[in-house]
Amino acid sequence: MQATTAANSQKTKKSSVIWVDAKVMNTGAQYANVTPVSVVKGLAEGVLATIKEAHDGKFSSKPYVGTMANKGVSIALTPAWNNKIPAQLKAEINQLSRDIAAGRILALDPVA
């Protein structure tokens, strides 16, 4: 679906998109020109956490919830957009990311 949205954005030149799950450069590089940022699932972090729990004898069936604090979710700017996004805005995004990770700003409640 996001590829369809990105293709439409390229065609109309009226919008940009936010790529989700992985970095656009890894999974849809042809849409980088309309994708300033990707919201990335940190699958490697979740897998490593599960392996560590199993190794340490602490594995449970409790769902792993990826957050900014445990690097299960992150934001990645698309390199082609680096010079198009004002430094002040990038600084604000980085600060918001740190504040969310630290719990100073509450994002959505995790799935129970």
PDB file of N, CA and C in Angstrom:
ATOM      1  N   MET A   1       0.814  -1.192   0.000  1.00  0.00           N
ATOM      2  CA  MET A   1       0.000   0.000   0.000  1.00  0.00           C
ATOM      3  C   MET A   1       0.864   1.266   0.000  1.00  0.00           C
ATOM      4  N   GLN A   2       1.939   1.272   0.821  1.00  0.00           N
ATOM      5  CA  GLN A   2       2.756   2.480   0.860  1.00  0.00           C
ATOM      6  C   GLN A   2       3.464   2.722  -0.464  1.00  0.00           C
ATOM      7  N   ALA A   3       3.779   1.658  -1.198  1.00  0.00           N
ATOM      8  CA  ALA A   3       4.394   1.835  -2.518  1.00  0.00           C
ATOM      9  C   ALA A   3       3.411   2.507  -3.465  1.00  0.00           C
ATOM     10  N   THR A   4       2.143   2.136  -3.378  1.00  0.00           N
ATOM     11  CA  THR A   4       1.118   2.757  -4.218  1.00  0.00           C
ATOM     12  C   THR A   4       0.986   4.235  -3.869  1.00  0.00           C
ATOM     13  N   THR A   5       0.969   4.529  -2.582  1.00  0.00           N
ATOM     14  CA  THR A   5       0.875   5.917  -2.133  1.00  0.00           C
ATOM     15  C   THR A   5       2.094   6.713  -2.587  1.00  0.00           C
ATOM     16  N   ALA A   6       3.275   6.123  -2.452  1.00  0.00           N
ATOM     17  CA  ALA A   6       4.500   6.809  -2.874  1.00  0.00           C
ATOM     18  C   ALA A   6       4.522   7.028  -4.383  1.00  0.00           C
ATOM     19  N   ALA A   7       4.075   6.040  -5.140  1.00  0.00           N
ATOM     20  CA  ALA A   7       4.028   6.189  -6.600  1.00  0.00           C
ATOM     21  C   ALA A   7       3.076   7.313  -6.988  1.00  0.00           C
ATOM     22  N   ASN A   8       1.949   7.405  -6.295  1.00  0.00           N
ATOM     23  CA  ASN A   8       1.001   8.486  -6.562  1.00  0.00           C
ATOM     24  C   ASN A   8       1.619   9.836  -6.210  1.00  0.00           C
ATOM     25  N   SER A   9       2.363   9.872  -5.123  1.00  0.00           N
ATOM     26  CA  SER A   9       3.036  11.103  -4.726  1.00  0.00           C
ATOM     27  C   SER A   9       4.050  11.539  -5.787  1.00  0.00           C
ATOM     28  N   GLN A  10       4.774  10.576  -6.354  1.00  0.00           N
ATOM     29  CA  GLN A  10       5.713  10.894  -7.436  1.00  0.00           C
ATOM     30  C   GLN A  10       4.972  11.435  -8.652  1.00  0.00           C
ATOM     31  N   LYS A  11       3.856  10.822  -8.959  1.00  0.00           N
ATOM     32  CA  LYS A  11       3.092  11.203 -10.155  1.00  0.00           C
ATOM     33  C   LYS A  11       2.498  12.606 -10.017  1.00  0.00           C
ATOM     34  N   THR A  12       1.871  12.877  -8.883  1.00  0.00           N
ATOM     35  CA  THR A  12       1.166  14.151  -8.711  1.00  0.00           C
ATOM     36  C   THR A  12       2.071  15.287  -8.256  1.00  0.00           C
ATOM     37  N   LYS A  13       3.182  14.940  -7.613  1.00  0.00           N
ATOM     38  CA  LYS A  13       4.110  15.933  -7.062  1.00  0.00           C
ATOM     39  C   LYS A  13       3.423  16.877  -6.068  1.00  0.00           C
ATOM     40  N   LYS A  14       2.410  16.348  -5.371  1.00  0.00           N
ATOM     41  CA  LYS A  14       1.660  17.163  -4.425  1.00  0.00           C
ATOM     42  C   LYS A  14       1.829  16.728  -2.973  1.00  0.00           C
ATOM     43  N   SER A  15       2.567  15.652  -2.740  1.00  0.00           N
ATOM     44  CA  SER A  15       2.686  15.160  -1.369  1.00  0.00           C
ATOM     45  C   SER A  15       3.987  14.396  -1.181  1.00  0.00           C
ATOM     46  N   SER A  16       4.283  14.152   0.079  1.00  0.00           N
ATOM     47  CA  SER A  16       5.392  13.290   0.473  1.00  0.00           C
ATOM     48  C   SER A  16       4.804  12.178   1.329  1.00  0.00           C
ATOM     49  N   VAL A  17       5.581  11.135   1.556  1.00  0.00           N
ATOM     50  CA  VAL A  17       5.088  10.016   2.357  1.00  0.00           C
ATOM     51  C   VAL A  17       6.075   9.700   3.478  1.00  0.00           C
ATOM     52  N   ILE A  18       5.588   9.007   4.482  1.00  0.00           N
ATOM     53  CA  ILE A  18       6.431   8.457   5.534  1.00  0.00           C
ATOM     54  C   ILE A  18       6.455   6.952   5.309  1.00  0.00           C
ATOM     55  N   TRP A  19       7.636   6.405   5.068  1.00  0.00           N
ATOM     56  CA  TRP A  19       7.800   4.968   4.846  1.00  0.00           C
ATOM     57  C   TRP A  19       7.768   4.276   6.203  1.00  0.00           C
ATOM     58  N   VAL A  20       7.161   3.107   6.294  1.00  0.00           N
ATOM     59  CA  VAL A  20       7.068   2.410   7.576  1.00  0.00           C
ATOM     60  C   VAL A  20       7.637   1.002   7.493  1.00  0.00           C
ATOM     61  N   ASP A  21       8.052   0.505   8.620  1.00  0.00           N
ATOM     62  CA  ASP A  21       8.583  -0.844   8.856  1.00  0.00           C
ATOM     63  C   ASP A  21      10.074  -0.968   8.594  1.00  0.00           C
ATOM     64  N   ALA A  22      10.584  -0.355   7.542  1.00  0.00           N
ATOM     65  CA  ALA A  22      12.006  -0.447   7.198  1.00  0.00           C
ATOM     66  C   ALA A  22      12.422   0.866   6.545  1.00  0.00           C
ATOM     67  N   LYS A  23      13.717   1.066   6.407  1.00  0.00           N
ATOM     68  CA  LYS A  23      14.196   2.271   5.730  1.00  0.00           C
ATOM     69  C   LYS A  23      13.827   2.199   4.255  1.00  0.00           C
ATOM     70  N   VAL A  24      13.323   3.296   3.726  1.00  0.00           N
ATOM     71  CA  VAL A  24      12.940   3.333   2.315  1.00  0.00           C
ATOM     72  C   VAL A  24      14.125   2.965   1.425  1.00  0.00           C
ATOM     73  N   MET A  25      15.321   3.313   1.827  1.00  0.00           N
ATOM     74  CA  MET A  25      16.497   3.004   1.008  1.00  0.00           C
ATOM     75  C   MET A  25      16.743   1.500   0.913  1.00  0.00           C
ATOM     76  N   ASN A  26      16.225   0.734   1.875  1.00  0.00           N
ATOM     77  CA  ASN A  26      16.404  -0.718   1.865  1.00  0.00           C
ATOM     78  C   ASN A  26      15.273  -1.451   1.156  1.00  0.00           C
ATOM     79  N   THR A  27      14.081  -0.863   1.143  1.00  0.00           N
ATOM     80  CA  THR A  27      12.920  -1.611   0.640  1.00  0.00           C
ATOM     81  C   THR A  27      12.138  -0.912  -0.460  1.00  0.00           C
ATOM     82  N   GLY A  28      12.456   0.322  -0.755  1.00  0.00           N
ATOM     83  CA  GLY A  28      11.731   1.045  -1.799  1.00  0.00           C
ATOM     84  C   GLY A  28      12.509   2.256  -2.271  1.00  0.00           C
ATOM     85  N   ALA A  29      13.785   2.054  -2.550  1.00  0.00           N
ATOM     86  CA  ALA A  29      14.677   3.175  -2.884  1.00  0.00           C
ATOM     87  C   ALA A  29      14.155   4.039  -4.029  1.00  0.00           C
ATOM     88  N   GLN A  30      13.362   3.444  -4.917  1.00  0.00           N
ATOM     89  CA  GLN A  30      12.826   4.221  -6.038  1.00  0.00           C
ATOM     90  C   GLN A  30      11.859   5.308  -5.562  1.00  0.00           C
ATOM     91  N   TYR A  31      11.442   5.248  -4.291  1.00  0.00           N
ATOM     92  CA  TYR A  31      10.517   6.244  -3.747  1.00  0.00           C
ATOM     93  C   TYR A  31      11.212   7.233  -2.805  1.00  0.00           C
ATOM     94  N   ALA A  32      12.529   7.187  -2.727  1.00  0.00           N
ATOM     95  CA  ALA A  32      13.266   8.052  -1.805  1.00  0.00           C
ATOM     96  C   ALA A  32      13.017   9.533  -2.072  1.00  0.00           C
ATOM     97  N   ASN A  33      12.761   9.888  -3.321  1.00  0.00           N
ATOM     98  CA  ASN A  33      12.572  11.308  -3.640  1.00  0.00           C
ATOM     99  C   ASN A  33      11.273  11.885  -3.080  1.00  0.00           C
ATOM    100  N   VAL A  34      10.346  11.040  -2.642  1.00  0.00           N
ATOM    101  CA  VAL A  34       9.097  11.523  -2.036  1.00  0.00           C
ATOM    102  C   VAL A  34       8.967  11.065  -0.583  1.00  0.00           C
ATOM    103  N   THR A  35      10.053  10.516  -0.027  1.00  0.00           N
ATOM    104  CA  THR A  35      10.008   9.959   1.328  1.00  0.00           C
ATOM    105  C   THR A  35      11.095  10.584   2.192  1.00  0.00           C
ATOM    106  N   PRO A  36      10.768  11.640   2.933  1.00  0.00           N
ATOM    107  CA  PRO A  36      11.788  12.288   3.749  1.00  0.00           C
ATOM    108  C   PRO A  36      12.229  11.469   4.958  1.00  0.00           C
ATOM    109  N   VAL A  37      11.344  10.602   5.441  1.00  0.00           N
ATOM    110  CA  VAL A  37      11.647   9.881   6.679  1.00  0.00           C
ATOM    111  C   VAL A  37      11.000   8.500   6.666  1.00  0.00           C
ATOM    112  N   SER A  38      11.650   7.581   7.348  1.00  0.00           N
ATOM    113  CA  SER A  38      11.106   6.240   7.539  1.00  0.00           C
ATOM    114  C   SER A  38      10.948   5.992   9.036  1.00  0.00           C
ATOM    115  N   VAL A  39       9.891   5.295   9.410  1.00  0.00           N
ATOM    116  CA  VAL A  39       9.702   4.817  10.775  1.00  0.00           C
ATOM    117  C   VAL A  39      10.044   3.332  10.726  1.00  0.00           C
ATOM    118  N   VAL A  40      11.064   2.946  11.480  1.00  0.00           N
ATOM    119  CA  VAL A  40      11.680   1.633  11.323  1.00  0.00           C
ATOM    120  C   VAL A  40      11.383   0.723  12.513  1.00  0.00           C
ATOM    121  N   LYS A  41      10.973  -0.507  12.214  1.00  0.00           N
ATOM    122  CA  LYS A  41      10.850  -1.536  13.246  1.00  0.00           C
ATOM    123  C   LYS A  41      12.237  -2.093  13.513  1.00  0.00           C
ATOM    124  N   GLY A  42      12.607  -2.171  14.762  1.00  0.00           N
ATOM    125  CA  GLY A  42      13.905  -2.729  15.129  1.00  0.00           C
ATOM    126  C   GLY A  42      13.804  -4.228  15.343  1.00  0.00           C
ATOM    127  N   LEU A  43      13.579  -4.967  14.284  1.00  0.00           N
ATOM    128  CA  LEU A  43      13.399  -6.414  14.410  1.00  0.00           C
ATOM    129  C   LEU A  43      14.624  -7.098  14.996  1.00  0.00           C
ATOM    130  N   ALA A  44      15.803  -6.661  14.615  1.00  0.00           N
ATOM    131  CA  ALA A  44      17.024  -7.283  15.143  1.00  0.00           C
ATOM    132  C   ALA A  44      17.081  -7.154  16.660  1.00  0.00           C
ATOM    133  N   GLU A  45      16.678  -6.007  17.181  1.00  0.00           N
ATOM    134  CA  GLU A  45      16.699  -5.793  18.624  1.00  0.00           C
ATOM    135  C   GLU A  45      15.750  -6.752  19.330  1.00  0.00           C
ATOM    136  N   GLY A  46      14.553  -6.955  18.766  1.00  0.00           N
ATOM    137  CA  GLY A  46      13.582  -7.882  19.347  1.00  0.00           C
ATOM    138  C   GLY A  46      14.073  -9.313  19.325  1.00  0.00           C
ATOM    139  N   VAL A  47      14.664  -9.706  18.227  1.00  0.00           N
ATOM    140  CA  VAL A  47      15.205 -11.065  18.112  1.00  0.00           C
ATOM    141  C   VAL A  47      16.337 -11.259  19.116  1.00  0.00           C
ATOM    142  N   LEU A  48      17.241 -10.289  19.202  1.00  0.00           N
ATOM    143  CA  LEU A  48      18.351 -10.404  20.150  1.00  0.00           C
ATOM    144  C   LEU A  48      17.861 -10.456  21.593  1.00  0.00           C
ATOM    145  N   ALA A  49      16.848  -9.647  21.923  1.00  0.00           N
ATOM    146  CA  ALA A  49      16.301  -9.664  23.282  1.00  0.00           C
ATOM    147  C   ALA A  49      15.710 -11.034  23.609  1.00  0.00           C
ATOM    148  N   THR A  50      15.008 -11.627  22.655  1.00  0.00           N
ATOM    149  CA  THR A  50      14.406 -12.943  22.865  1.00  0.00           C
ATOM    150  C   THR A  50      15.481 -14.016  23.033  1.00  0.00           C
ATOM    151  N   ILE A  51      16.508 -13.966  22.204  1.00  0.00           N
ATOM    152  CA  ILE A  51      17.604 -14.937  22.310  1.00  0.00           C
ATOM    153  C   ILE A  51      18.311 -14.799  23.655  1.00  0.00           C
ATOM    154  N   LYS A  52      18.554 -13.558  24.078  1.00  0.00           N
ATOM    155  CA  LYS A  52      19.215 -13.338  25.367  1.00  0.00           C
ATOM    156  C   LYS A  52      18.365 -13.880  26.504  1.00  0.00           C
ATOM    157  N   GLU A  53      17.048 -13.615  26.478  1.00  0.00           N
ATOM    158  CA  GLU A  53      16.159 -14.150  27.512  1.00  0.00           C
ATOM    159  C   GLU A  53      16.226 -15.675  27.547  1.00  0.00           C
ATOM    160  N   ALA A  54      16.180 -16.306  26.380  1.00  0.00           N
ATOM    161  CA  ALA A  54      16.236 -17.769  26.314  1.00  0.00           C
ATOM    162  C   ALA A  54      17.577 -18.271  26.856  1.00  0.00           C
ATOM    163  N   HIS A  55      18.661 -17.628  26.456  1.00  0.00           N
ATOM    164  CA  HIS A  55      19.995 -18.030  26.917  1.00  0.00           C
ATOM    165  C   HIS A  55      20.122 -17.902  28.427  1.00  0.00           C
ATOM    166  N   ASP A  56      19.543 -16.835  28.982  1.00  0.00           N
ATOM    167  CA  ASP A  56      19.639 -16.582  30.420  1.00  0.00           C
ATOM    168  C   ASP A  56      18.603 -17.357  31.222  1.00  0.00           C
ATOM    169  N   GLY A  57      17.790 -18.182  30.542  1.00  0.00           N
ATOM    170  CA  GLY A  57      16.750 -18.951  31.232  1.00  0.00           C
ATOM    171  C   GLY A  57      15.589 -18.101  31.704  1.00  0.00           C
ATOM    172  N   LYS A  58      15.385 -16.950  31.092  1.00  0.00           N
ATOM    173  CA  LYS A  58      14.327 -16.023  31.510  1.00  0.00           C
ATOM    174  C   LYS A  58      13.279 -15.811  30.425  1.00  0.00           C
ATOM    175  N   PHE A  59      13.248 -16.691  29.431  1.00  0.00           N
ATOM    176  CA  PHE A  59      12.298 -16.519  28.330  1.00  0.00           C
ATOM    177  C   PHE A  59      10.871 -16.653  28.838  1.00  0.00           C
ATOM    178  N   SER A  60      10.009 -15.770  28.360  1.00  0.00           N
ATOM    179  CA  SER A  60       8.580 -15.861  28.672  1.00  0.00           C
ATOM    180  C   SER A  60       7.798 -15.643  27.383  1.00  0.00           C
ATOM    181  N   SER A  61       6.537 -15.940  27.448  1.00  0.00           N
ATOM    182  CA  SER A  61       5.688 -15.739  26.267  1.00  0.00           C
ATOM    183  C   SER A  61       5.124 -14.326  26.212  1.00  0.00           C
ATOM    184  N   LYS A  62       5.562 -13.480  27.139  1.00  0.00           N
ATOM    185  CA  LYS A  62       5.121 -12.086  27.132  1.00  0.00           C
ATOM    186  C   LYS A  62       5.578 -11.437  25.826  1.00  0.00           C
ATOM    187  N   PRO A  63       4.677 -10.744  25.138  1.00  0.00           N
ATOM    188  CA  PRO A  63       5.054 -10.129  23.858  1.00  0.00           C
ATOM    189  C   PRO A  63       6.166  -9.090  24.026  1.00  0.00           C
ATOM    190  N   TYR A  64       7.065  -9.073  23.078  1.00  0.00           N
ATOM    191  CA  TYR A  64       8.096  -8.036  23.020  1.00  0.00           C
ATOM    192  C   TYR A  64       7.461  -6.811  22.385  1.00  0.00           C
ATOM    193  N   VAL A  65       7.544  -5.687  23.046  1.00  0.00           N
ATOM    194  CA  VAL A  65       7.008  -4.439  22.511  1.00  0.00           C
ATOM    195  C   VAL A  65       8.185  -3.525  22.195  1.00  0.00           C
ATOM    196  N   GLY A  66       8.357  -3.256  20.921  1.00  0.00           N
ATOM    197  CA  GLY A  66       9.435  -2.373  20.506  1.00  0.00           C
ATOM    198  C   GLY A  66       9.085  -0.929  20.800  1.00  0.00           C
ATOM    199  N   THR A  67      10.000  -0.228  21.438  1.00  0.00           N
ATOM    200  CA  THR A  67       9.812   1.185  21.757  1.00  0.00           C
ATOM    201  C   THR A  67      11.058   1.954  21.329  1.00  0.00           C
ATOM    202  N   MET A  68      10.988   3.249  21.423  1.00  0.00           N
ATOM    203  CA  MET A  68      12.181   4.041  21.126  1.00  0.00           C
ATOM    204  C   MET A  68      13.239   3.808  22.205  1.00  0.00           C
ATOM    205  N   ALA A  69      12.806   3.539  23.432  1.00  0.00           N
ATOM    206  CA  ALA A  69      13.757   3.315  24.519  1.00  0.00           C
ATOM    207  C   ALA A  69      14.569   2.038  24.314  1.00  0.00           C
ATOM    208  N   ASN A  70      13.935   0.963  23.817  1.00  0.00           N
ATOM    209  CA  ASN A  70      14.672  -0.293  23.618  1.00  0.00           C
ATOM    210  C   ASN A  70      15.120  -0.483  22.167  1.00  0.00           C
ATOM    211  N   LYS A  71      15.009   0.582  21.390  1.00  0.00           N
ATOM    212  CA  LYS A  71      15.418   0.612  19.977  1.00  0.00           C
ATOM    213  C   LYS A  71      14.615  -0.346  19.106  1.00  0.00           C
ATOM    214  N   GLY A  72      13.412  -0.673  19.577  1.00  0.00           N
ATOM    215  CA  GLY A  72      12.508  -1.495  18.777  1.00  0.00           C
ATOM    216  C   GLY A  72      11.781  -0.675  17.725  1.00  0.00           C
ATOM    217  N   VAL A  73      11.884   0.643  17.829  1.00  0.00           N
ATOM    218  CA  VAL A  73      11.311   1.579  16.856  1.00  0.00           C
ATOM    219  C   VAL A  73      12.282   2.748  16.735  1.00  0.00           C
ATOM    220  N   SER A  74      12.462   3.234  15.519  1.00  0.00           N
ATOM    221  CA  SER A  74      13.319   4.404  15.330  1.00  0.00           C
ATOM    222  C   SER A  74      12.849   5.202  14.117  1.00  0.00           C
ATOM    223  N   ILE A  75      13.411   6.374  13.992  1.00  0.00           N
ATOM    224  CA  ILE A  75      13.120   7.251  12.859  1.00  0.00           C
ATOM    225  C   ILE A  75      14.417   7.412  12.071  1.00  0.00           C
ATOM    226  N   ALA A  76      14.324   7.280  10.752  1.00  0.00           N
ATOM    227  CA  ALA A  76      15.511   7.414   9.901  1.00  0.00           C
ATOM    228  C   ALA A  76      15.235   8.416   8.790  1.00  0.00           C
ATOM    229  N   LEU A  77      16.036   9.467   8.741  1.00  0.00           N
ATOM    230  CA  LEU A  77      15.915  10.434   7.653  1.00  0.00           C
ATOM    231  C   LEU A  77      16.490   9.828   6.377  1.00  0.00           C
ATOM    232  N   THR A  78      15.844  10.086   5.258  1.00  0.00           N
ATOM    233  CA  THR A  78      16.327   9.613   3.965  1.00  0.00           C
ATOM    234  C   THR A  78      17.488  10.508   3.536  1.00  0.00           C
ATOM    235  N   PRO A  79      18.640   9.918   3.196  1.00  0.00           N
ATOM    236  CA  PRO A  79      19.821  10.725   2.858  1.00  0.00           C
ATOM    237  C   PRO A  79      19.565  11.810   1.810  1.00  0.00           C
ATOM    238  N   ALA A  80      18.768  11.519   0.807  1.00  0.00           N
ATOM    239  CA  ALA A  80      18.505  12.511  -0.246  1.00  0.00           C
ATOM    240  C   ALA A  80      17.791  13.748   0.295  1.00  0.00           C
ATOM    241  N   TRP A  81      17.165  13.625   1.440  1.00  0.00           N
ATOM    242  CA  TRP A  81      16.427  14.737   2.036  1.00  0.00           C
ATOM    243  C   TRP A  81      17.250  15.495   3.071  1.00  0.00           C
ATOM    244  N   ASN A  82      18.418  15.023   3.398  1.00  0.00           N
ATOM    245  CA  ASN A  82      19.199  15.607   4.476  1.00  0.00           C
ATOM    246  C   ASN A  82      19.388  17.108   4.320  1.00  0.00           C
ATOM    247  N   ASN A  83      19.692  17.578   3.124  1.00  0.00           N
ATOM    248  CA  ASN A  83      19.903  19.010   2.901  1.00  0.00           C
ATOM    249  C   ASN A  83      18.605  19.781   2.691  1.00  0.00           C
ATOM    250  N   LYS A  84      17.498  19.077   2.514  1.00  0.00           N
ATOM    251  CA  LYS A  84      16.206  19.739   2.293  1.00  0.00           C
ATOM    252  C   LYS A  84      15.478  20.036   3.599  1.00  0.00           C
ATOM    253  N   ILE A  85      15.844  19.340   4.656  1.00  0.00           N
ATOM    254  CA  ILE A  85      15.181  19.516   5.948  1.00  0.00           C
ATOM    255  C   ILE A  85      16.020  20.476   6.781  1.00  0.00           C
ATOM    256  N   PRO A  86      15.429  21.581   7.231  1.00  0.00           N
ATOM    257  CA  PRO A  86      16.188  22.565   8.002  1.00  0.00           C
ATOM    258  C   PRO A  86      16.820  21.950   9.255  1.00  0.00           C
ATOM    259  N   ALA A  87      18.008  22.410   9.590  1.00  0.00           N
ATOM    260  CA  ALA A  87      18.741  21.897  10.751  1.00  0.00           C
ATOM    261  C   ALA A  87      17.916  22.013  12.028  1.00  0.00           C
ATOM    262  N   GLN A  88      17.194  23.111  12.184  1.00  0.00           N
ATOM    263  CA  GLN A  88      16.374  23.309  13.385  1.00  0.00           C
ATOM    264  C   GLN A  88      15.296  22.234  13.493  1.00  0.00           C
ATOM    265  N   LEU A  89      14.663  21.890  12.378  1.00  0.00           N
ATOM    266  CA  LEU A  89      13.636  20.847  12.389  1.00  0.00           C
ATOM    267  C   LEU A  89      14.254  19.493  12.723  1.00  0.00           C
ATOM    268  N   LYS A  90      15.422  19.191  12.146  1.00  0.00           N
ATOM    269  CA  LYS A  90      16.099  17.927  12.463  1.00  0.00           C
ATOM    270  C   LYS A  90      16.446  17.867  13.948  1.00  0.00           C
ATOM    271  N   ALA A  91      16.895  18.985  14.503  1.00  0.00           N
ATOM    272  CA  ALA A  91      17.226  19.026  15.929  1.00  0.00           C
ATOM    273  C   ALA A  91      15.982  18.784  16.782  1.00  0.00           C
ATOM    274  N   GLU A  92      14.858  19.366  16.382  1.00  0.00           N
ATOM    275  CA  GLU A  92      13.607  19.158  17.116  1.00  0.00           C
ATOM    276  C   GLU A  92      13.153  17.702  17.039  1.00  0.00           C
ATOM    277  N   ILE A  93      13.274  17.093  15.872  1.00  0.00           N
ATOM    278  CA  ILE A  93      12.903  15.684  15.710  1.00  0.00           C
ATOM    279  C   ILE A  93      13.782  14.809  16.599  1.00  0.00           C
ATOM    280  N   ASN A  94      15.083  15.076  16.595  1.00  0.00           N
ATOM    281  CA  ASN A  94      15.997  14.297  17.432  1.00  0.00           C
ATOM    282  C   ASN A  94      15.676  14.457  18.913  1.00  0.00           C
ATOM    283  N   GLN A  95      15.351  15.681  19.325  1.00  0.00           N
ATOM    284  CA  GLN A  95      15.012  15.917  20.727  1.00  0.00           C
ATOM    285  C   GLN A  95      13.708  15.216  21.088  1.00  0.00           C
ATOM    286  N   LEU A  96      12.719  15.280  20.215  1.00  0.00           N
ATOM    287  CA  LEU A  96      11.460  14.569  20.469  1.00  0.00           C
ATOM    288  C   LEU A  96      11.700  13.068  20.593  1.00  0.00           C
ATOM    289  N   SER A  97      12.547  12.520  19.745  1.00  0.00           N
ATOM    290  CA  SER A  97      12.873  11.089  19.819  1.00  0.00           C
ATOM    291  C   SER A  97      13.500  10.749  21.166  1.00  0.00           C
ATOM    292  N   ARG A  98      14.439  11.578  21.616  1.00  0.00           N
ATOM    293  CA  ARG A  98      15.070  11.342  22.924  1.00  0.00           C
ATOM    294  C   ARG A  98      14.051  11.465  24.053  1.00  0.00           C
ATOM    295  N   ASP A  99      13.164  12.458  23.962  1.00  0.00           N
ATOM    296  CA  ASP A  99      12.156  12.652  25.006  1.00  0.00           C
ATOM    297  C   ASP A  99      11.162  11.494  25.055  1.00  0.00           C
ATOM    298  N   ILE A 100      10.784  10.970  23.906  1.00  0.00           N
ATOM    299  CA  ILE A 100       9.891   9.807  23.875  1.00  0.00           C
ATOM    300  C   ILE A 100      10.600   8.607  24.490  1.00  0.00           C
ATOM    301  N   ALA A 101      11.853   8.373  24.103  1.00  0.00           N
ATOM    302  CA  ALA A 101      12.616   7.237  24.633  1.00  0.00           C
ATOM    303  C   ALA A 101      12.780   7.335  26.145  1.00  0.00           C
ATOM    304  N   ALA A 102      12.946   8.556  26.654  1.00  0.00           N
ATOM    305  CA  ALA A 102      13.145   8.765  28.089  1.00  0.00           C
ATOM    306  C   ALA A 102      11.833   8.768  28.869  1.00  0.00           C
ATOM    307  N   GLY A 103      10.710   8.720  28.177  1.00  0.00           N
ATOM    308  CA  GLY A 103       9.419   8.719  28.854  1.00  0.00           C
ATOM    309  C   GLY A 103       8.901  10.098  29.211  1.00  0.00           C
ATOM    310  N   ARG A 104       9.582  11.149  28.764  1.00  0.00           N
ATOM    311  CA  ARG A 104       9.113  12.509  29.046  1.00  0.00           C
ATOM    312  C   ARG A 104       7.914  12.884  28.185  1.00  0.00           C
ATOM    313  N   ILE A 105       7.799  12.251  27.029  1.00  0.00           N
ATOM    314  CA  ILE A 105       6.636  12.423  26.159  1.00  0.00           C
ATOM    315  C   ILE A 105       6.040  11.041  25.964  1.00  0.00           C
ATOM    316  N   LEU A 106       4.767  10.897  26.249  1.00  0.00           N
ATOM    317  CA  LEU A 106       4.119   9.601  26.097  1.00  0.00           C
ATOM    318  C   LEU A 106       3.597   9.448  24.683  1.00  0.00           C
ATOM    319  N   ALA A 107       4.025   8.394  24.049  1.00  0.00           N
ATOM    320  CA  ALA A 107       3.495   8.044  22.734  1.00  0.00           C
ATOM    321  C   ALA A 107       2.273   7.158  22.977  1.00  0.00           C
ATOM    322  N   LEU A 108       1.895   6.369  22.017  1.00  0.00           N
ATOM    323  CA  LEU A 108       0.771   5.465  22.202  1.00  0.00           C
ATOM    324  C   LEU A 108       1.084   4.449  23.280  1.00  0.00           C
ATOM    325  N   ASP A 109       0.058   4.050  24.018  1.00  0.00           N
ATOM    326  CA  ASP A 109       0.254   3.007  25.011  1.00  0.00           C
ATOM    327  C   ASP A 109       0.627   1.711  24.314  1.00  0.00           C
ATOM    328  N   PRO A 110       1.587   0.962  24.875  1.00  0.00           N
ATOM    329  CA  PRO A 110       1.955  -0.305  24.248  1.00  0.00           C
ATOM    330  C   PRO A 110       0.807  -1.305  24.292  1.00  0.00           C
ATOM    331  N   VAL A 111       0.857  -2.237  23.385  1.00  0.00           N
ATOM    332  CA  VAL A 111      -0.152  -3.290  23.332  1.00  0.00           C
ATOM    333  C   VAL A 111      -0.004  -4.151  24.571  1.00  0.00           C
ATOM    334  N   ALA A 112      -1.112  -4.442  25.217  1.00  0.00           N
ATOM    335  CA  ALA A 112      -1.070  -5.260  26.445  1.00  0.00           C
ATOM    336  C   ALA A 112      -0.923  -6.725  26.119  1.00  0.00           C
TER     337      ALA A 112
END
